[in-house]
Amino acid sequence: MENLLNEDRLNVNAEEGQLTKEIEKHTAMLPSDTYLIAAISAMGVSLALKCLGQKHLALFVGQWVSPFLLFGVYNKIVKTHGHDHRDRNPSYDS
């Protein structure tokens, strides 16, 4: 039973769906710095809007920071351990 749980957790032989491969293909074209710059820009725009008295719009733009950073982390993971790494290195086991 424990061995079965470990295999499910690792999911070593799992295949990615076509949609996931397409998304990864397009996001991998962008440098990782793009997402960091987008997050910092969203913080700056949010601050500027707050200073201009646009409280609700500032909060709306400020909420974009986390998704941009998460996209950046996802992008980095895909570039280092995604399906493209496995496709290029068939002997890759983990």
Protein backbone atom coordinates (compact mmCIF):
# COMPACT_ATOMS: atom_id res chain seq x y z
CA MET A 1 0.00 0.00 0.00
CA GLU A 2 2.79 2.42 0.92
CA ASN A 3 4.62 1.68 -2.35
CA LEU A 4 1.44 2.50 -4.29
CA LEU A 5 1.12 5.84 -2.49
CA ASN A 6 4.72 6.72 -3.29
CA GLU A 7 4.19 5.96 -7.00
CA ASP A 8 1.08 8.17 -7.07
CA ARG A 9 2.90 11.00 -5.35
CA LEU A 10 5.88 10.89 -7.71
CA ASN A 11 3.83 10.24 -10.87
CA VAL A 12 7.09 9.68 -12.78
CA ASN A 13 5.58 8.26 -15.96
CA ALA A 14 2.73 10.76 -16.32
CA GLU A 15 2.16 12.26 -19.76
CA GLU A 16 1.18 15.88 -20.20
CA GLY A 17 -1.93 16.78 -22.15
CA GLN A 18 -1.74 18.56 -25.49
CA LEU A 19 -3.09 21.83 -24.02
CA THR A 20 -0.42 21.79 -21.31
CA LYS A 21 2.31 21.18 -23.88
CA GLU A 22 1.07 24.10 -25.99
CA ILE A 23 0.96 26.45 -23.00
CA GLU A 24 4.45 25.38 -21.93
CA LYS A 25 5.75 25.84 -25.47
CA HIS A 26 4.54 29.45 -25.60
CA THR A 27 5.50 30.42 -22.06
CA ALA A 28 8.97 28.90 -22.44
CA MET A 29 9.68 31.48 -25.17
CA LEU A 30 9.49 34.29 -22.61
CA PRO A 31 12.49 34.94 -20.37
CA SER A 32 11.80 34.43 -16.66
CA ASP A 33 12.66 38.08 -16.02
CA THR A 34 9.51 39.07 -17.93
CA TYR A 35 7.30 37.86 -15.09
CA LEU A 36 9.39 39.59 -12.43
CA ILE A 37 9.30 42.87 -14.38
CA ALA A 38 5.53 42.52 -14.81
CA ALA A 39 5.08 41.98 -11.06
CA ILE A 40 7.24 44.98 -10.13
CA SER A 41 5.43 47.09 -12.73
CA ALA A 42 2.06 46.08 -11.28
CA MET A 43 3.27 47.17 -7.84
CA GLY A 44 4.40 50.52 -9.22
CA VAL A 45 1.18 51.12 -11.13
CA SER A 46 -0.83 50.14 -8.07
CA LEU A 47 1.12 52.59 -5.91
CA ALA A 48 0.65 55.36 -8.46
CA LEU A 49 -3.08 54.71 -8.66
CA LYS A 50 -3.32 54.73 -4.86
CA CYS A 51 -1.51 58.09 -4.74
CA LEU A 52 -3.93 59.43 -7.35
CA GLY A 53 -6.89 58.44 -5.17
CA GLN A 54 -8.02 55.50 -7.32
CA LYS A 55 -8.32 53.09 -4.38
CA HIS A 56 -10.37 50.34 -6.05
CA LEU A 57 -8.35 50.34 -9.26
CA ALA A 58 -5.12 50.31 -7.23
CA LEU A 59 -6.30 47.22 -5.36
CA PHE A 60 -7.33 45.55 -8.62
CA VAL A 61 -3.94 46.12 -10.26
CA GLY A 62 -2.11 45.23 -7.04
CA GLN A 63 -3.71 41.79 -7.08
CA TRP A 64 -1.90 41.00 -10.35
CA VAL A 65 1.46 40.78 -8.57
CA SER A 66 0.98 37.28 -7.15
CA PRO A 67 -0.21 35.69 -10.41
CA PHE A 68 2.73 37.21 -12.30
CA LEU A 69 5.17 35.78 -9.74
CA LEU A 70 3.44 32.39 -9.83
CA PHE A 71 3.62 32.36 -13.63
CA GLY A 72 7.34 33.07 -13.33
CA VAL A 73 7.87 30.19 -10.92
CA TYR A 74 5.83 27.88 -13.17
CA ASN A 75 7.88 29.02 -16.17
CA LYS A 76 11.13 28.29 -14.35
CA ILE A 77 9.94 24.84 -13.25
CA VAL A 78 8.83 23.97 -16.76
CA LYS A 79 12.17 25.05 -18.20
CA THR A 80 14.15 22.95 -15.71
CA HIS A 81 11.91 19.93 -15.01
CA GLY A 82 9.01 20.08 -17.45
CA HIS A 83 8.03 17.65 -20.16
CA ASP A 84 10.45 19.33 -22.59
CA HIS A 85 13.36 18.24 -20.38
CA ARG A 86 12.04 14.67 -20.37
CA ASP A 87 11.42 14.72 -24.13
CA ARG A 88 14.97 15.86 -24.85
CA ASN A 89 16.51 13.37 -22.39
CA PRO A 90 14.73 9.99 -22.72
CA SER A 91 16.99 8.49 -20.04
CA TYR A 92 15.75 11.08 -17.50
CA ASP A 93 14.05 9.10 -14.71
CA SER A 94 13.06 11.67 -12.10
